[in-house]
C-alpha atoms as a PDB file:
ATOM      1  CA  MET A   1      -0.188  -0.204   0.186  1.00  0.00           C
ATOM      2  CA  ASP A   2       1.815   3.710  -0.607  1.00  0.00           C
ATOM      3  CA  ALA A   3      -0.094   5.418   1.501  1.00  0.00           C
ATOM      4  CA  THR A   4      -2.560   5.729   4.404  1.00  0.00           C
ATOM      5  CA  ILE A   5      -4.469   9.120   5.200  1.00  0.00           C
ATOM      6  CA  VAL A   6      -4.609   9.974   8.832  1.00  0.00           C
ATOM      7  CA  ILE A   7      -7.162  11.969  10.974  1.00  0.00           C
ATOM      8  CA  SER A   8      -7.364  12.060  14.458  1.00  0.00           C
ATOM      9  CA  THR A   9     -10.274  13.715  15.390  1.00  0.00           C
ATOM     10  CA  LYS A  10     -12.706  14.901  18.519  1.00  0.00           C
ATOM     11  CA  ASP A  11     -16.224  15.801  18.434  1.00  0.00           C
ATOM     12  CA  ARG A  12     -16.185  17.713  15.295  1.00  0.00           C
ATOM     13  CA  GLU A  13     -18.427  15.325  13.533  1.00  0.00           C
ATOM     14  CA  GLU A  14     -19.381  17.827  10.913  1.00  0.00           C
ATOM     15  CA  ASP A  15     -16.208  18.684   9.952  1.00  0.00           C
ATOM     16  CA  LEU A  16     -14.815  15.470  10.189  1.00  0.00           C
ATOM     17  CA  ALA A  17     -17.051  14.329   7.301  1.00  0.00           C
ATOM     18  CA  ARG A  18     -15.829  17.013   4.833  1.00  0.00           C
ATOM     19  CA  ALA A  19     -12.323  15.845   5.848  1.00  0.00           C
ATOM     20  CA  VAL A  20     -13.281  12.165   5.145  1.00  0.00           C
ATOM     21  CA  VAL A  21     -14.885  12.533   1.966  1.00  0.00           C
ATOM     22  CA  SER A  22     -12.028  14.536   0.490  1.00  0.00           C
ATOM     23  CA  ALA A  23      -9.435  11.890   1.616  1.00  0.00           C
ATOM     24  CA  LEU A  24     -11.309   8.662   0.257  1.00  0.00           C
ATOM     25  CA  ALA A  25     -11.824  10.943  -3.349  1.00  0.00           C
ATOM     26  CA  GLN A  26      -8.124  11.228  -3.930  1.00  0.00           C
ATOM     27  CA  LYS A  27      -6.837   9.440  -6.784  1.00  0.00           C
ATOM     28  CA  GLY A  28      -3.784   7.663  -8.485  1.00  0.00           C
ATOM     29  CA  ALA A  29      -2.684   5.756  -5.839  1.00  0.00           C
ATOM     30  CA  ASP A  30      -2.702   2.538  -3.258  1.00  0.00           C
ATOM     31  CA  ILE A  31      -4.654   4.528  -0.577  1.00  0.00           C
ATOM     32  CA  GLU A  32      -6.513   3.742   2.739  1.00  0.00           C
ATOM     33  CA  VAL A  33      -8.031   6.213   5.182  1.00  0.00           C
ATOM     34  CA  LEU A  34      -8.011   5.667   8.836  1.00  0.00           C
ATOM     35  CA  VAL A  35      -9.672   8.109  11.459  1.00  0.00           C
ATOM     36  CA  VAL A  36      -9.109   7.824  14.959  1.00  0.00           C
ATOM     37  CA  ASP A  37     -11.879   9.181  17.280  1.00  0.00           C
ATOM     38  CA  ASP A  38     -10.277  10.455  20.187  1.00  0.00           C
ATOM     39  CA  GLY A  39     -13.021  10.373  23.030  1.00  0.00           C
ATOM     40  CA  SER A  40     -15.517  11.932  20.905  1.00  0.00           C
ATOM     41  CA  SER A  41     -19.212  12.559  22.642  1.00  0.00           C
ATOM     42  CA  ASP A  42     -20.926  13.808  19.312  1.00  0.00           C
ATOM     43  CA  GLY A  43     -21.633  10.381  17.758  1.00  0.00           C
ATOM     44  CA  THR A  44     -18.806  10.751  15.625  1.00  0.00           C
ATOM     45  CA  SER A  45     -17.521   7.231  15.652  1.00  0.00           C
ATOM     46  CA  LYS A  46     -21.202   6.231  14.431  1.00  0.00           C
ATOM     47  CA  MET A  47     -21.315   8.947  11.630  1.00  0.00           C
ATOM     48  CA  VAL A  48     -17.919   7.165  10.774  1.00  0.00           C
ATOM     49  CA  ARG A  49     -19.273   3.553  10.630  1.00  0.00           C
ATOM     50  CA  ALA A  50     -22.669   4.852   9.077  1.00  0.00           C
ATOM     51  CA  ARG A  51     -21.341   7.094   6.236  1.00  0.00           C
ATOM     52  CA  PHE A  52     -18.138   5.896   5.846  1.00  0.00           C
ATOM     53  CA  PRO A  53     -17.582   1.966   5.936  1.00  0.00           C
ATOM     54  CA  GLN A  54     -14.786   1.922   3.332  1.00  0.00           C
ATOM     55  CA  SER A  55     -12.256   4.023   5.900  1.00  0.00           C
ATOM     56  CA  LEU A  56     -11.036   1.888   8.567  1.00  0.00           C
ATOM     57  CA  LEU A  57     -11.934   3.888  12.273  1.00  0.00           C
ATOM     58  CA  ILE A  58     -10.222   3.397  15.510  1.00  0.00           C
ATOM     59  CA  THR A  59     -12.396   4.556  18.718  1.00  0.00           C
ATOM     60  CA  HIS A  60     -11.479   5.147  22.296  1.00  0.00           C
ATOM     61  CA  ALA A  61     -14.084   5.760  24.952  1.00  0.00           C
ATOM     62  CA  GLU A  62     -11.353   7.955  26.191  1.00  0.00           C
ATOM     63  CA  SER A  63      -9.243  11.082  25.418  1.00  0.00           C
ATOM     64  CA  ALA A  64      -5.194  10.966  25.092  1.00  0.00           C
ATOM     65  CA  GLY A  65      -4.846  13.903  22.673  1.00  0.00           C
ATOM     66  CA  TYR A  66      -3.597  13.876  18.732  1.00  0.00           C
ATOM     67  CA  ILE A  67      -0.169  13.535  19.731  1.00  0.00           C
ATOM     68  CA  VAL A  68      -1.096  10.192  21.407  1.00  0.00           C
ATOM     69  CA  ARG A  69      -3.557   8.899  18.490  1.00  0.00           C
ATOM     70  CA  ARG A  70      -1.114  10.032  15.424  1.00  0.00           C
ATOM     71  CA  ASN A  71       1.650   7.767  16.787  1.00  0.00           C
ATOM     72  CA  GLU A  72      -1.532   5.076  17.716  1.00  0.00           C
ATOM     73  CA  ALA A  73      -2.140   5.518  13.566  1.00  0.00           C
ATOM     74  CA  ALA A  74       1.171   5.439  12.149  1.00  0.00           C
ATOM     75  CA  LYS A  75       1.346   1.662  13.904  1.00  0.00           C
ATOM     76  CA  ALA A  76      -1.998   0.629  12.465  1.00  0.00           C
ATOM     77  CA  ALA A  77      -1.226   1.951   9.224  1.00  0.00           C
ATOM     78  CA  ARG A  78      -0.488  -0.259   6.345  1.00  0.00           C
ATOM     79  CA  GLY A  79       1.139   2.729   3.668  1.00  0.00           C
ATOM     80  CA  LYS A  80       4.554   3.030   3.373  1.00  0.00           C
ATOM     81  CA  ILE A  81       3.121   7.160   3.906  1.00  0.00           C
ATOM     82  CA  VAL A  82       1.629   8.343   6.047  1.00  0.00           C
ATOM     83  CA  VAL A  83      -0.410  11.283   4.958  1.00  0.00           C
ATOM     84  CA  SER A  84      -2.170  13.464   8.336  1.00  0.00           C
ATOM     85  CA  ILE A  85      -4.431  16.031   7.805  1.00  0.00           C
ATOM     86  CA  ASP A  86      -6.636  17.939  10.951  1.00  0.00           C
ATOM     87  CA  ASP A  87     -10.144  17.128  10.584  1.00  0.00           C
ATOM     88  CA  ASP A  88     -10.981  20.620  10.709  1.00  0.00           C
ATOM     89  CA  ALA A  89      -8.982  20.604   7.018  1.00  0.00           C
ATOM     90  CA  GLU A  90      -9.731  19.194   3.708  1.00  0.00           C
ATOM     91  CA  PHE A  91      -7.956  18.081   0.570  1.00  0.00           C
ATOM     92  CA  SER A  92      -8.611  21.173  -2.331  1.00  0.00           C
ATOM     93  CA  THR A  93      -8.950  18.244  -5.379  1.00  0.00           C
ATOM     94  CA  GLN A  94      -8.345  14.393  -5.782  1.00  0.00           C
ATOM     95  CA  PHE A  95      -4.719  14.572  -6.628  1.00  0.00           C
ATOM     96  CA  VAL A  96      -2.787  16.214  -4.019  1.00  0.00           C
ATOM     97  CA  VAL A  97      -1.644  12.474  -2.230  1.00  0.00           C
ATOM     98  CA  GLN A  98      -0.393  11.330  -5.942  1.00  0.00           C
ATOM     99  CA  GLN A  99       1.443  14.684  -6.255  1.00  0.00           C
ATOM    100  CA  ILE A 100       3.179  14.832  -3.144  1.00  0.00           C
ATOM    101  CA  LEU A 101       4.064  11.062  -2.801  1.00  0.00           C
ATOM    102  CA  PRO A 102       7.350  11.379  -5.584  1.00  0.00           C
ATOM    103  CA  PHE A 103       8.797  13.509  -3.214  1.00  0.00           C
ATOM    104  CA  PHE A 104       9.844  10.834  -1.168  1.00  0.00           C
ATOM    105  CA  GLU A 105      11.994   9.753  -4.010  1.00  0.00           C
ATOM    106  CA  ASN A 106      14.445  11.685  -2.748  1.00  0.00           C
ATOM    107  CA  ALA A 107      16.403   9.223   0.257  1.00  0.00           C
ATOM    108  CA  ALA A 108      16.905  12.076   2.447  1.00  0.00           C
ATOM    109  CA  VAL A 109      13.359  13.030   2.711  1.00  0.00           C
ATOM    110  CA  GLY A 110      11.650  11.668   5.760  1.00  0.00           C
ATOM    111  CA  VAL A 111       8.561  14.859   5.996  1.00  0.00           C
ATOM    112  CA  VAL A 112       7.099  16.386   3.026  1.00  0.00           C
ATOM    113  CA  ALA A 113       5.466  19.394   4.396  1.00  0.00           C
ATOM    114  CA  ILE A 114       1.955  19.683   2.142  1.00  0.00           C
ATOM    115  CA  PRO A 115       0.874  23.115   0.970  1.00  0.00           C
ATOM    116  CA  TYR A 116      -2.066  24.865   2.840  1.00  0.00           C
ATOM    117  CA  ARG A 117      -4.363  27.709   3.203  1.00  0.00           C
ATOM    118  CA  ASP A 118      -6.068  28.884   6.220  1.00  0.00           C
ATOM    119  CA  VAL A 119      -9.342  29.299   4.568  1.00  0.00           C
ATOM    120  CA  ASN A 120     -10.933  31.447   7.296  1.00  0.00           C
ATOM    121  CA  ARG A 121      -7.711  34.256   7.298  1.00  0.00           C
ATOM    122  CA  SER A 122      -5.700  34.685   4.076  1.00  0.00           C
ATOM    123  CA  GLN A 123      -5.702  33.581   0.378  1.00  0.00           C
ATOM    124  CA  THR A 124      -1.837  32.700   1.427  1.00  0.00           C
ATOM    125  CA  VAL A 125      -0.262  29.197   0.550  1.00  0.00           C
ATOM    126  CA  PHE A 126       1.991  27.988   3.079  1.00  0.00           C
ATOM    127  CA  GLN A 127       4.084  25.138   2.497  1.00  0.00           C
ATOM    128  CA  GLN A 128       5.197  25.915  -1.196  1.00  0.00           C
ATOM    129  CA  ALA A 129       8.226  25.281  -2.618  1.00  0.00           C
ATOM    130  CA  PRO A 130       9.207  28.057  -5.066  1.00  0.00           C
ATOM    131  CA  GLU A 131       9.317  25.627  -7.914  1.00  0.00           C
ATOM    132  CA  PRO A 132       8.146  22.113  -8.258  1.00  0.00           C
ATOM    133  CA  HIS A 133      12.161  21.646  -9.586  1.00  0.00           C
ATOM    134  CA  GLY A 134      14.837  20.889  -6.797  1.00  0.00           C
ATOM    135  CA  VAL A 135      14.824  20.237  -3.316  1.00  0.00           C
ATOM    136  CA  TYR A 136      13.652  22.668  -0.915  1.00  0.00           C
ATOM    137  CA  TRP A 137      14.424  21.945   2.939  1.00  0.00           C
ATOM    138  CA  ALA A 138      12.347  23.276   5.504  1.00  0.00           C
ATOM    139  CA  ALA A 139      12.703  24.065   9.560  1.00  0.00           C
ATOM    140  CA  SER A 140       9.965  22.026  10.374  1.00  0.00           C
ATOM    141  CA  TYR A 141       5.994  21.676   9.114  1.00  0.00           C
ATOM    142  CA  VAL A 142       2.686  22.508  10.083  1.00  0.00           C
ATOM    143  CA  GLY A 143       0.653  19.328  11.556  1.00  0.00           C
ATOM    144  CA  THR A 144      -2.469  19.630   9.452  1.00  0.00           C
ATOM    145  CA  ALA A 145      -0.514  19.122   6.262  1.00  0.00           C
ATOM    146  CA  HIS A 146       2.192  16.566   6.514  1.00  0.00           C
ATOM    147  CA  ALA A 147       3.084  13.422   4.880  1.00  0.00           C
ATOM    148  CA  LEU A 148       5.962  11.384   6.521  1.00  0.00           C
ATOM    149  CA  ARG A 149       7.862   8.106   5.884  1.00  0.00           C
ATOM    150  CA  ARG A 150       6.338   5.687   8.212  1.00  0.00           C
ATOM    151  CA  ASP A 151       9.399   3.612   8.904  1.00  0.00           C
ATOM    152  CA  VAL A 152      11.381   6.545  10.071  1.00  0.00           C
ATOM    153  CA  PHE A 153       8.819   7.565  12.226  1.00  0.00           C
ATOM    154  CA  LEU A 154       8.361   4.432  13.903  1.00  0.00           C
ATOM    155  CA  GLY A 155      12.116   3.565  14.035  1.00  0.00           C
ATOM    156  CA  LEU A 156      12.414   6.959  16.147  1.00  0.00           C
ATOM    157  CA  GLY A 157       9.641   6.380  18.575  1.00  0.00           C
ATOM    158  CA  GLY A 158       7.170   8.990  17.185  1.00  0.00           C
ATOM    159  CA  TYR A 159       5.856  12.012  18.835  1.00  0.00           C
ATOM    160  CA  ARG A 160       7.124  12.029  22.238  1.00  0.00           C
ATOM    161  CA  SER A 161       3.655  11.600  23.852  1.00  0.00           C
ATOM    162  CA  HIS A 162       4.135  13.570  26.659  1.00  0.00           C
ATOM    163  CA  LEU A 163       4.420  16.987  24.535  1.00  0.00           C
ATOM    164  CA  VAL A 164       0.859  16.404  24.869  1.00  0.00           C
ATOM    165  CA  HIS A 165      -0.446  18.966  22.185  1.00  0.00           C
ATOM    166  CA  GLN A 166       1.525  21.710  20.311  1.00  0.00           C
ATOM    167  CA  GLY A 167       5.028  21.640  18.999  1.00  0.00           C
ATOM    168  CA  GLU A 168       5.731  18.191  18.158  1.00  0.00           C
ATOM    169  CA  GLU A 169       6.609  18.874  15.031  1.00  0.00           C
ATOM    170  CA  LYS A 170      10.084  20.438  15.457  1.00  0.00           C
ATOM    171  CA  ASP A 171      10.559  18.298  18.518  1.00  0.00           C
ATOM    172  CA  TYR A 172      10.352  15.416  15.734  1.00  0.00           C
ATOM    173  CA  THR A 173      12.224  17.450  13.470  1.00  0.00           C
ATOM    174  CA  ILE A 174      15.333  17.772  15.152  1.00  0.00           C
ATOM    175  CA  ARG A 175      15.555  14.391  15.854  1.00  0.00           C
ATOM    176  CA  MET A 176      14.904  13.354  12.551  1.00  0.00           C
ATOM    177  CA  LEU A 177      17.676  15.672  11.137  1.00  0.00           C
ATOM    178  CA  GLU A 178      19.858  13.938  13.744  1.00  0.00           C
ATOM    179  CA  ALA A 179      18.938  10.382  12.071  1.00  0.00           C
ATOM    180  CA  GLY A 180      19.798  12.063   8.823  1.00  0.00           C
ATOM    181  CA  TYR A 181      16.861  12.834   7.251  1.00  0.00           C
ATOM    182  CA  GLY A 182      14.851  15.982   6.532  1.00  0.00           C
ATOM    183  CA  VAL A 183      11.745  18.408   6.083  1.00  0.00           C
ATOM    184  CA  ARG A 184      11.127  18.709   2.465  1.00  0.00           C
ATOM    185  CA  LEU A 185       8.681  21.666   1.110  1.00  0.00           C
ATOM    186  CA  GLY A 186       5.873  20.171  -1.306  1.00  0.00           C
ATOM    187  CA  TYR A 187       4.604  21.501  -4.768  1.00  0.00           C
ATOM    188  CA  SER A 188       0.926  20.127  -5.220  1.00  0.00           C
ATOM    189  CA  ASN A 189      -2.263  21.648  -4.515  1.00  0.00           C
ATOM    190  CA  GLU A 190      -3.130  22.708  -1.228  1.00  0.00           C
ATOM    191  CA  ILE A 191      -4.553  21.513   2.105  1.00  0.00           C
ATOM    192  CA  LEU A 192      -7.668  23.820   2.744  1.00  0.00           C
ATOM    193  CA  HIS A 193      -7.606  24.588   6.531  1.00  0.00           C
ATOM    194  CA  TYR A 194     -10.856  26.000   8.278  1.00  0.00           C
ATOM    195  CA  GLU A 195      -9.388  26.354  11.092  1.00  0.00           C
ATOM    196  CA  SER A 196     -12.506  25.040  13.807  1.00  0.00           C
ATOM    197  CA  PRO A 197     -13.959  28.032  16.132  1.00  0.00           C
ATOM    198  CA  ARG A 198     -13.436  25.129  18.801  1.00  0.00           C
ATOM    199  CA  ARG A 199     -10.076  25.798  19.859  1.00  0.00           C
ATOM    200  CA  ASP A 200      -9.163  26.132  23.145  1.00  0.00           C
ATOM    201  CA  TRP A 201      -6.691  28.813  23.278  1.00  0.00           C
ATOM    202  CA  SER A 202      -5.576  28.661  26.813  1.00  0.00           C
ATOM    203  CA  ARG A 203      -4.668  25.224  26.499  1.00  0.00           C
ATOM    204  CA  MET A 204      -2.606  26.239  23.393  1.00  0.00           C
ATOM    205  CA  ASP A 205      -1.036  28.960  25.163  1.00  0.00           C
ATOM    206  CA  TYR A 206      -0.062  26.587  27.966  1.00  0.00           C
ATOM    207  CA  TYR A 207       1.692  23.643  26.239  1.00  0.00           C
ATOM    208  CA  GLY A 208       2.895  26.040  23.729  1.00  0.00           C
ATOM    209  CA  ARG A 209       5.139  27.617  26.202  1.00  0.00           C
ATOM    210  CA  ARG A 210       5.625  24.515  28.193  1.00  0.00           C
ATOM    211  CA  ASN A 211       6.899  22.775  25.131  1.00  0.00           C
ATOM    212  CA  ASP A 212       9.219  25.634  24.391  1.00  0.00           C
ATOM    213  CA  VAL A 213      10.795  24.504  27.422  1.00  0.00           C
ATOM    214  CA  LEU A 214      10.765  20.733  27.240  1.00  0.00           C
ATOM    215  CA  PHE A 215      12.404  21.070  23.623  1.00  0.00           C
ATOM    216  CA  ALA A 216      15.156  23.161  24.653  1.00  0.00           C
ATOM    217  CA  TRP A 217      15.686  21.245  27.340  1.00  0.00           C
ATOM    218  CA  GLN A 218      15.474  17.759  25.521  1.00  0.00           C
ATOM    219  CA  ASN A 219      17.302  18.482  22.162  1.00  0.00           C
ATOM    220  CA  VAL A 220      19.492  21.681  22.309  1.00  0.00           C
ATOM    221  CA  PRO A 221      23.278  20.715  23.306  1.00  0.00           C
ATOM    222  CA  SER A 222      25.694  22.914  24.970  1.00  0.00           C
ATOM    223  CA  PRO A 223      27.073  26.076  24.741  1.00  0.00           C
ATOM    224  CA  TYR A 224      23.851  27.134  23.070  1.00  0.00           C
ATOM    225  CA  PHE A 225      21.216  25.350  26.011  1.00  0.00           C
ATOM    226  CA  LEU A 226      20.935  28.689  27.701  1.00  0.00           C
ATOM    227  CA  PRO A 227      20.499  31.389  25.266  1.00  0.00           C
ATOM    228  CA  HIS A 228      18.121  28.903  23.680  1.00  0.00           C
ATOM    229  CA  LEU A 229      16.143  28.091  26.286  1.00  0.00           C
ATOM    230  CA  CYS A 230      15.848  32.152  27.584  1.00  0.00           C
ATOM    231  CA  GLY A 231      15.442  33.258  23.856  1.00  0.00           C
ATOM    232  CA  SER A 232      12.454  30.819  23.302  1.00  0.00           C
ATOM    233  CA  ILE A 233      10.950  31.840  26.714  1.00  0.00           C
ATOM    234  CA  ALA A 234      11.447  35.719  26.269  1.00  0.00           C
ATOM    235  CA  LYS A 235       9.844  35.394  22.502  1.00  0.00           C
ATOM    236  CA  GLY A 236       7.245  33.287  24.082  1.00  0.00           C
ATOM    237  CA  LEU A 237       5.893  35.581  26.577  1.00  0.00           C
ATOM    238  CA  TRP A 238       6.191  38.768  24.593  1.00  0.00           C
ATOM    239  CA  CYS A 239       4.276  37.048  21.814  1.00  0.00           C
ATOM    240  CA  GLY A 240       1.546  36.346  25.230  1.00  0.00           C
ATOM    241  CA  VAL A 241       1.711  39.952  26.018  1.00  0.00           C
ATOM    242  CA  LYS A 242       0.525  41.074  22.430  1.00  0.00           C
ATOM    243  CA  VAL A 243      -2.047  38.524  21.785  1.00  0.00           C
ATOM    244  CA  ARG A 244      -3.268  39.095  25.816  1.00  0.00           C
ATOM    245  CA  ARG A 245      -2.677  35.971  26.608  1.00  0.00           C
ATOM    246  CA  VAL A 246       0.084  35.928  28.906  1.00  0.00           C
ATOM    247  CA  GLY A 247      -1.687  34.070  31.972  1.00  0.00           C
ATOM    248  CA  ALA A 248      -1.432  30.418  30.472  1.00  0.00           C
ATOM    249  CA  MET A 249       1.590  31.063  28.891  1.00  0.00           C
ATOM    250  CA  LEU A 250       3.284  32.028  32.392  1.00  0.00           C
ATOM    251  CA  ARG A 251       2.063  28.916  34.067  1.00  0.00           C
ATOM    252  CA  GLY A 252       3.427  26.779  31.133  1.00  0.00           C
ATOM    253  CA  VAL A 253       7.386  28.010  31.006  1.00  0.00           C
ATOM    254  CA  ARG A 254       6.594  27.370  35.278  1.00  0.00           C
ATOM    255  CA  ASP A 255       5.184  23.803  34.896  1.00  0.00           C
ATOM    256  CA  GLY A 256       8.182  23.520  32.044  1.00  0.00           C
ATOM    257  CA  LEU A 257      10.958  24.474  34.691  1.00  0.00           C
ATOM    258  CA  THR A 258       9.387  22.599  36.980  1.00  0.00           C
ATOM    259  CA  GLU A 259       9.283  19.425  35.335  1.00  0.00           C
ATOM    260  CA  CYS A 260      12.824  19.717  33.849  1.00  0.00           C
ATOM    261  CA  PHE A 261      14.979  20.928  36.632  1.00  0.00           C
ATOM    262  CA  LEU A 262      13.107  19.963  39.717  1.00  0.00           C
ATOM    263  CA  ALA A 263      10.929  17.073  38.958  1.00  0.00           C
ATOM    264  CA  GLY A 264      13.471  15.663  36.387  1.00  0.00           C
ATOM    265  CA  GLU A 265      10.760  13.745  34.603  1.00  0.00           C
ATOM    266  CA  HIS A 266      12.410  14.413  31.205  1.00  0.00           C
ATOM    267  CA  GLU A 267      15.506  12.804  30.068  1.00  0.00           C
ATOM    268  CA  ARG A 268      18.098  14.930  28.701  1.00  0.00           C
ATOM    269  CA  ARG A 269      19.609  13.846  25.223  1.00  0.00           C
ATOM    270  CA  SER A 270      20.412  16.335  22.943  1.00  0.00           C
ATOM    271  CA  VAL A 271      21.405  16.032  19.572  1.00  0.00           C
ATOM    272  CA  SER A 272      24.666  17.597  18.551  1.00  0.00           C
ATOM    273  CA  ARG A 273      26.255  20.436  18.005  1.00  0.00           C
ATOM    274  CA  GLU A 274      26.186  19.856  14.248  1.00  0.00           C
ATOM    275  CA  THR A 275      22.903  19.142  13.919  1.00  0.00           C
ATOM    276  CA  TYR A 276      21.531  22.207  15.816  1.00  0.00           C
ATOM    277  CA  ARG A 277      23.449  24.325  13.971  1.00  0.00           C
ATOM    278  CA  ASP A 278      21.915  22.516  10.582  1.00  0.00           C
ATOM    279  CA  TYR A 279      18.894  22.857  12.110  1.00  0.00           C
ATOM    280  CA  ARG A 280      19.071  26.823  12.615  1.00  0.00           C
ATOM    281  CA  ARG A 281      20.566  27.437   9.589  1.00  0.00           C
ATOM    282  CA  ARG A 282      16.930  25.932   8.358  1.00  0.00           C
ATOM    283  CA  ILE A 283      15.009  28.104  10.479  1.00  0.00           C
ATOM    284  CA  HIS A 284      16.813  31.591   9.396  1.00  0.00           C
ATOM    285  CA  GLY A 285      16.784  30.124   5.894  1.00  0.00           C
ATOM    286  CA  ILE A 286      18.669  30.434   2.539  1.00  0.00           C
ATOM    287  CA  GLY A 287      16.937  31.090  -0.427  1.00  0.00           C
ATOM    288  CA  SER A 288      13.544  31.873  -0.316  1.00  0.00           C
ATOM    289  CA  PRO A 289      11.762  32.522   3.118  1.00  0.00           C
ATOM    290  CA  LEU A 290       8.133  32.181   3.720  1.00  0.00           C
ATOM    291  CA  ASN A 291       6.560  33.318   6.306  1.00  0.00           C
ATOM    292  CA  VAL A 292       7.174  31.775   9.797  1.00  0.00           C
ATOM    293  CA  ALA A 293       5.014  33.737  11.957  1.00  0.00           C
ATOM    294  CA  SER A 294       1.978  32.286  10.090  1.00  0.00           C
ATOM    295  CA  GLY A 295       3.038  28.520  11.012  1.00  0.00           C
ATOM    296  CA  SER A 296       4.939  27.790   7.913  1.00  0.00           C
ATOM    297  CA  ALA A 297       9.171  28.132   7.752  1.00  0.00           C
ATOM    298  CA  PRO A 298      11.886  29.199   6.495  1.00  0.00           C
ATOM    299  CA  THR A 299      14.017  27.201   3.514  1.00  0.00           C
ATOM    300  CA  GLU A 300      16.916  26.162   1.727  1.00  0.00           C
ATOM    301  CA  ARG A 301      17.207  24.813  -1.815  1.00  0.00           C
ATOM    302  CA  THR A 302      19.997  22.198  -2.482  1.00  0.00           C
END
């Protein structure tokens, strides 16, 4: 099987239906569609069984979060490539997966960042390579629109489940770089992301800042660790001031520091200095930078 399209969902029955319709319509490859219901209470699993019997469904009574469920889905998938979209997104055409799969012919590609558009915000397309030829490496990717090499993902242990929510992409990216793989920008029809209004911003703020601390602790080598940690905290809290949501972010920083420095809950196994410098070069980019603030990443062409 060429690919598995994975959709993790919770309590977004109507959004999910649109996503599954677009996934089942994908052409040009041997594709399965796998839906993981993370403890929905709105009849999501019943809807999937009734309307989309040709899809695979894993259902849970309790919620564990989308990071845990994406790991679970990757283990259950039969495809060599796992394509992941959010439940509030859809493929804009029937050919997105077909267009993306050839990008994995380069053996160094561990993830392809699929072009996407935040429909309710703007017409800007993110994660799109400047042109279809050549290889454009990105610093990271956005979870709502990506494809990854399943064997590499499982070999690296998948996403770190203790991250719970937010930041798993950059954590996986730097670990993948250490193993010799990178994130490549795709060139395809985009994924349409509708950004459901059912978002818990306080939860996102909290885990965003907490996981900034965990990223530094678990990945960044000396002598870069302290500058990176202090810079991440300062940048994150300044963002909280600008959007007037600093409270949850402060709690996230506090708990991240407590978990790492006082409780010792998370093992520190940093990447090499060379890998970290490579990661930073990709963030600051050479060539055709994209808009980091809007959820994409600078690129470097080889």
